Amino acid sequence: MRHSAGEHHFVHRIGWLRAAVLGANDGIVSTASLIVGVAAAEPEPQTIVIAGLAGLAAGAMSMAAGEYVSVSSQADTERADLETERRALAAAPEAERQELAEIYVSRGLEPALAATVAERLMAHDAIGAHARDELGLTETASARPIQAALTSAATFSLGAAAPVMVAVLVPVDSTIPAVAAASLTALATLGGLSARAGGANPLRAAGRVTFWGALAMLVTAGVGAAFGATP
């Protein structure tokens, strides 16, 4: 699609950007929270690292499966709606043309012009016109299950790797503050970068993800401290 000079849109990134941000954010928050919660229970250093690695593996597979199933359901619904529209076009093309014209009238066109536009668009690509203007389905926003699954799994793994690496490298008594600090920094960076990629406000996005990440780690640390081993 061509745009006027000086225009730069971000809508074409919606499909992969949503899955990427969700995966990376969940990878950082869930794995860091798991590590902080386990560390608050005062276990052995090896246990903390194993918990983090297990959380990384399980989370990546869960994200891939969840994204694939949910986006596949969306794709199934889109295909069903398109098939319904194809049958309607074959059975009553004139009624479908009138329906499309009425949509254009509701958007501000004069009835005569709307009828002409509907006729021309249906002659060019009837199902495409109805998918876009009646159902709101476009190529940009169409469901892509495999893309969503792979993107979420990969970015979850990358996000989860950060707190795991910190847990491996720091002394056990520094695990909680080090993992929390590194994870909150990563979340703020992720929020800012994803906002820039989507054309949104970086500071607002960074503050949002940092707040929820801090809250998640605080809750799991409390759980670990409450139910962990006592001296």
Protein backbone atom coordinates (compact mmCIF):
# COMPACT_ATOMS: atom_id res chain seq x y z
CA MET A 1 0.00 0.00 0.00
CA ARG A 2 1.31 3.44 -0.96
CA HIS A 3 1.13 6.37 1.44
CA SER A 4 1.50 10.11 0.99
CA ALA A 5 4.97 11.59 1.27
CA GLY A 6 6.03 11.97 4.89
CA GLU A 7 3.57 9.38 6.22
CA HIS A 8 4.96 6.39 8.06
CA HIS A 9 2.52 3.84 9.43
CA PHE A 10 3.10 0.92 11.79
CA VAL A 11 -0.05 -1.17 11.33
CA HIS A 12 1.76 -3.71 9.15
CA ARG A 13 3.76 -4.74 12.23
CA ILE A 14 0.74 -5.64 14.37
CA GLY A 15 0.84 -9.39 13.74
CA TRP A 16 4.41 -10.14 14.78
CA LEU A 17 4.87 -7.20 17.16
CA ARG A 18 2.03 -8.25 19.44
CA ALA A 19 3.35 -11.82 19.70
CA ALA A 20 6.94 -10.65 20.16
CA VAL A 21 6.15 -8.19 22.93
CA LEU A 22 3.87 -10.66 24.70
CA GLY A 23 6.48 -13.42 24.54
CA ALA A 24 9.43 -11.33 25.70
CA ASN A 25 7.46 -9.61 28.45
CA ASP A 26 6.08 -12.90 29.75
CA GLY A 27 9.51 -14.51 29.56
CA ILE A 28 11.10 -11.83 31.72
CA VAL A 29 8.26 -11.44 34.21
CA SER A 30 7.34 -15.10 34.76
CA THR A 31 10.90 -16.42 34.90
CA ALA A 32 12.23 -13.60 37.06
CA SER A 33 9.24 -13.97 39.40
CA LEU A 34 9.81 -17.72 39.61
CA ILE A 35 13.49 -17.25 40.44
CA VAL A 36 12.76 -14.55 43.01
CA GLY A 37 10.05 -16.67 44.62
CA VAL A 38 12.28 -19.73 44.83
CA ALA A 39 15.23 -17.67 46.09
CA ALA A 40 13.05 -16.14 48.80
CA ALA A 41 12.42 -19.65 50.12
CA GLU A 42 16.21 -19.93 50.73
CA PRO A 43 17.01 -23.06 48.73
CA GLU A 44 20.33 -24.14 47.31
CA PRO A 45 21.80 -22.12 44.40
CA GLN A 46 21.45 -25.12 42.08
CA THR A 47 17.72 -25.28 42.83
CA ILE A 48 17.27 -21.64 41.85
CA VAL A 49 18.99 -22.15 38.48
CA ILE A 50 17.10 -25.38 37.75
CA ALA A 51 13.82 -23.63 38.54
CA GLY A 52 14.72 -20.82 36.16
CA LEU A 53 15.68 -23.18 33.34
CA ALA A 54 12.55 -25.26 33.84
CA GLY A 55 10.46 -22.09 33.77
CA LEU A 56 12.16 -21.02 30.53
CA ALA A 57 11.52 -24.34 28.79
CA ALA A 58 7.98 -24.77 30.03
CA GLY A 59 7.07 -21.17 29.35
CA ALA A 60 8.40 -21.19 25.79
CA MET A 61 6.43 -24.32 24.93
CA SER A 62 3.33 -22.98 26.65
CA MET A 63 3.56 -19.69 24.75
CA ALA A 64 4.00 -21.49 21.42
CA ALA A 65 1.08 -23.83 22.05
CA GLY A 66 -1.17 -21.11 23.43
CA GLU A 67 -0.49 -18.69 20.60
CA TYR A 68 -0.93 -21.38 17.95
CA VAL A 69 -4.24 -22.59 19.36
CA SER A 70 -5.71 -19.14 19.97
CA VAL A 71 -4.63 -17.64 16.65
CA SER A 72 -5.74 -20.81 14.82
CA SER A 73 -9.20 -20.29 16.33
CA GLN A 74 -9.17 -16.76 14.95
CA ALA A 75 -8.09 -18.07 11.54
CA ASP A 76 -10.87 -20.68 11.57
CA THR A 77 -13.45 -17.99 12.29
CA GLU A 78 -12.09 -15.81 9.50
CA ARG A 79 -12.27 -18.69 7.02
CA ALA A 80 -15.81 -19.53 8.09
CA ASP A 81 -16.94 -15.94 7.64
CA LEU A 82 -15.32 -15.73 4.22
CA GLU A 83 -17.01 -18.97 3.16
CA THR A 84 -20.37 -17.61 4.32
CA GLU A 85 -19.74 -14.50 2.26
CA ARG A 86 -18.81 -16.52 -0.84
CA ARG A 87 -22.06 -18.46 -0.60
CA ALA A 88 -24.04 -15.25 -0.23
CA LEU A 89 -22.32 -13.72 -3.24
CA ALA A 90 -23.11 -16.79 -5.34
CA ALA A 91 -26.75 -16.96 -4.20
CA ALA A 92 -27.71 -13.27 -4.19
CA PRO A 93 -25.07 -11.01 -5.79
CA GLU A 94 -27.46 -8.07 -6.18
CA ALA A 95 -28.40 -8.12 -2.50
CA GLU A 96 -24.72 -8.25 -1.58
CA ARG A 97 -24.00 -5.30 -3.87
CA GLN A 98 -26.77 -3.32 -2.19
CA GLU A 99 -25.43 -4.27 1.23
CA LEU A 100 -21.98 -2.99 0.26
CA ALA A 101 -23.46 0.23 -1.12
CA GLU A 102 -25.31 0.83 2.15
CA ILE A 103 -22.04 0.47 4.03
CA TYR A 104 -20.50 3.20 1.90
CA VAL A 105 -23.53 5.43 2.38
CA SER A 106 -23.16 5.03 6.15
CA ARG A 107 -19.57 6.22 5.75
CA GLY A 108 -20.58 9.43 4.00
CA LEU A 109 -20.94 8.71 0.28
CA GLU A 110 -23.96 9.82 -1.72
CA PRO A 111 -26.24 6.87 -2.61
CA ALA A 112 -25.52 7.08 -6.35
CA LEU A 113 -21.76 7.23 -5.80
CA ALA A 114 -21.93 4.45 -3.20
CA ALA A 115 -23.76 2.21 -5.69
CA THR A 116 -21.13 2.90 -8.34
CA VAL A 117 -18.27 2.22 -5.95
CA ALA A 118 -19.87 -1.03 -4.77
CA GLU A 119 -20.42 -2.16 -8.35
CA ARG A 120 -16.85 -1.38 -9.41
CA LEU A 121 -15.26 -2.99 -6.36
CA MET A 122 -17.36 -6.14 -6.70
CA ALA A 123 -16.44 -6.39 -10.36
CA HIS A 124 -12.77 -6.15 -9.40
CA ASP A 125 -12.75 -8.39 -6.28
CA ALA A 126 -16.14 -9.11 -4.72
CA ILE A 127 -14.99 -11.27 -1.83
CA GLY A 128 -12.11 -8.90 -1.08
CA ALA A 129 -14.45 -5.91 -0.93
CA HIS A 130 -16.88 -7.64 1.42
CA ALA A 131 -14.09 -9.08 3.58
CA ARG A 132 -12.57 -5.64 4.03
CA ASP A 133 -15.63 -3.40 4.29
CA GLU A 134 -18.29 -5.70 5.74
CA LEU A 135 -16.26 -8.08 7.90
CA GLY A 136 -13.27 -5.86 8.68
CA LEU A 137 -10.78 -8.50 7.52
CA THR A 138 -7.55 -7.32 5.92
CA GLU A 139 -4.31 -8.96 4.89
CA THR A 140 -2.40 -6.87 7.42
CA ALA A 141 -4.43 -8.06 10.41
CA SER A 142 -5.14 -11.60 9.25
CA ALA A 143 -4.39 -14.47 11.65
CA ARG A 144 -1.03 -16.26 11.18
CA PRO A 145 -0.83 -19.07 13.77
CA ILE A 146 2.66 -20.38 12.94
CA GLN A 147 4.18 -16.89 12.89
CA ALA A 148 2.57 -16.08 16.23
CA ALA A 149 3.68 -19.37 17.82
CA LEU A 150 7.30 -19.17 16.67
CA THR A 151 7.62 -15.48 17.50
CA SER A 152 6.21 -15.90 21.00
CA ALA A 153 8.33 -18.96 21.80
CA ALA A 154 11.53 -17.33 20.55
CA THR A 155 11.00 -14.02 22.33
CA PHE A 156 9.88 -15.75 25.53
CA SER A 157 13.15 -17.70 25.53
CA LEU A 158 15.19 -14.55 24.97
CA GLY A 159 13.35 -12.69 27.70
CA ALA A 160 13.62 -15.57 30.17
CA ALA A 161 17.34 -16.02 29.47
CA ALA A 162 18.16 -12.68 31.12
CA PRO A 163 17.06 -13.50 34.70
CA VAL A 164 18.41 -17.04 34.38
CA MET A 165 21.86 -15.76 33.40
CA VAL A 166 21.85 -13.30 36.30
CA ALA A 167 20.92 -16.10 38.70
CA VAL A 168 23.83 -18.17 37.38
CA LEU A 169 26.40 -15.39 37.68
CA VAL A 170 25.66 -13.70 41.02
CA PRO A 171 26.14 -15.07 44.55
CA VAL A 172 23.05 -16.68 46.02
CA ASP A 173 22.55 -13.96 48.63
CA SER A 174 22.42 -11.36 45.83
CA THR A 175 20.01 -13.31 43.63
CA ILE A 176 16.81 -11.46 44.51
CA PRO A 177 18.06 -7.84 44.15
CA ALA A 178 20.20 -8.67 41.11
CA VAL A 179 17.47 -10.55 39.25
CA ALA A 180 14.89 -7.91 40.14
CA ALA A 181 17.09 -5.03 39.00
CA ALA A 182 18.15 -6.72 35.77
CA SER A 183 14.60 -7.79 34.95
CA LEU A 184 13.05 -4.40 35.62
CA THR A 185 15.72 -2.78 33.45
CA ALA A 186 15.02 -5.28 30.68
CA LEU A 187 11.27 -4.70 30.98
CA ALA A 188 11.67 -0.92 30.78
CA THR A 189 13.91 -1.30 27.74
CA LEU A 190 11.49 -3.73 26.10
CA GLY A 191 8.55 -1.43 26.75
CA GLY A 192 10.34 1.54 25.26
CA LEU A 193 11.59 -0.31 22.18
CA SER A 194 8.24 -1.96 21.46
CA ALA A 195 6.49 1.40 21.78
CA ARG A 196 8.91 2.98 19.33
CA ALA A 197 8.42 0.08 16.91
CA GLY A 198 4.67 0.61 17.11
CA GLY A 199 4.77 4.41 17.05
CA ALA A 200 3.53 4.81 20.66
CA ASN A 201 4.83 6.72 23.69
CA PRO A 202 8.01 4.95 24.97
CA LEU A 203 7.90 6.35 28.51
CA ARG A 204 4.31 5.32 29.08
CA ALA A 205 4.92 1.80 27.77
CA ALA A 206 8.13 1.42 29.82
CA GLY A 207 6.40 2.53 33.00
CA ARG A 208 3.47 0.20 32.42
CA VAL A 209 5.49 -3.00 31.97
CA THR A 210 7.91 -2.08 34.77
CA PHE A 211 5.07 -1.58 37.27
CA TRP A 212 3.45 -4.95 36.53
CA GLY A 213 6.79 -6.74 36.51
CA ALA A 214 7.72 -5.30 39.89
CA LEU A 215 4.32 -6.26 41.30
CA ALA A 216 4.66 -9.85 40.03
CA MET A 217 8.10 -10.27 41.60
CA LEU A 218 6.95 -8.72 44.86
CA VAL A 219 4.02 -11.14 45.12
CA THR A 220 6.10 -14.24 44.35
CA ALA A 221 8.84 -13.14 46.73
CA GLY A 222 6.20 -12.86 49.45
CA VAL A 223 4.91 -16.34 48.65
CA GLY A 224 8.42 -17.79 48.71
CA ALA A 225 9.26 -16.11 51.99
CA ALA A 226 5.98 -17.20 53.58
CA PHE A 227 6.19 -20.86 52.60
CA GLY A 228 9.94 -21.34 52.34
CA ALA A 229 12.30 -23.04 54.73
CA THR A 230 12.89 -21.37 58.07
CA PRO A 231 16.35 -21.15 59.72
